[in-house]
Amino acid sequence: MARIVLIDDEARLLHTLARFLEQQGHQVLRGANFSAVSDHLRPGRFEVLITDIVMPDFDGMKVLREVVEQRQCQEPVILITGEPNLETASEAVRRGAFDYISKPVTKDKLLEAVSRGLRHVQLLRERDQARLMEMQVLKNLAMLGESASVLTHEIRTPITSLRHALRAVGEKLGIEDRVLVEEFIGNLNKIERMLGQTLSFAKPLRLQLQDADLGELIASCVREVSALPIMAGMSVEVRSEPGLVAHVDPQLFGEVLINLLRNAAEACNGKGHVEVAASREGGALVLEVVDDGPGVPDQRQEEIFRPFRSSKDYGTGIGLAFCRKVVESHGGTIGLVPKPGSGACFCVELGAGSAGRASPTG
């Protein structure tokens, strides 16, 4: 059951529209003018507002302005107009109206508009809930990050001791038993790596900004990531405009690029092609990492940047969240952009403030 606010100074129409909506199980809060229902028109207190445009004193456009602009309600506002025209519709949409219904208002037209509005408000509430949950996760991680160094030491010390002890035991066992011990050691390494990634994400960033040659930074990251086993069957092509200089933290920004390259290789199951392209567009620096893997489904393209949302059995869901944290701390943006064919294209854009001076060789 949705809470729908209905405003119309025509008593008969107000009664008829309210009855249509109440027959569908909705709770209708009706009023002949804005002041009669004003208390209900606050963010989160209603799902849909339907108001006539032509009313004395406080007309529908004033209602729209008050609810959307002044009170900052995101809930859909549907206007009823007796003289629909392009100018009226365009003005209403520009001021934040969700939809408008022309008179005479039939039951079908009303319920169709309300149904669209309710779907919209459901998406808004789900988005807000997701943001709230993410903010809570980040808040908890920030608290964890304050003790990250101590936690790292306290947890890694017994892990290291256990790993050494297992290796010592393994040297005294037969081959079959030694394989089992090596599996235990591998799992300890995995735990240590996941711990490092999680605490690295939680720790507050302290940027050490400097001008860095973007081409050299990319080349260094490609060399480092090429040593990973997952990259053995991958080919990497780099296209960078000469003389590009980025005002970044080279260590952290390098971790972003390494994460994106490793992510591309994992998406291709270690067999595929990755392109890294760097260019200047206007006053911004644009870095793209493109793979020929299966790509990312539309419904997951925003979710993958949230912490602990990995679809991999062995993943922590920290990598891309960490990339976003670093890029946004540089005042930039990161996201997926469409590309022809299969695969994924991750695009990092650094604004004018991060686009350093051109290299003397550029």
Foldseek 3Di string as FASTA:
>chain_A
DFEEEEEALPVVVQVVLCVLVVVVVYHYHYDPDCVSCVVQLAAPSGAEYEYEQDDPPQGPVNVLCCSCVVRVHLQAYEYEYADDDPVVQVVCVVSPHPYYHYPPDDSVNSVVVVVVRNVVSVVVVVVVVVVVVLVVVLVVLLVVLVCLVVVLVVVVVVLVVVLVVLVVVLVVDDPVVNVVSVVVNVVSVLVNVLSVLSNVLSHDDDWPWDKDFPVVLLVVLCVVLCPDPLQVQEEEAEAEDAQWIWGGRSVLLSLLSNLLVVVQSVLQSSHWYWYWYWDDDVLKIKIKIKTQGQEDDPVCFVVLLGFQPDPDPSDRSRSNVSSQVRLVVQVWGWGWDDDPDGTTMIMIMHGNVGGDDGDPVD
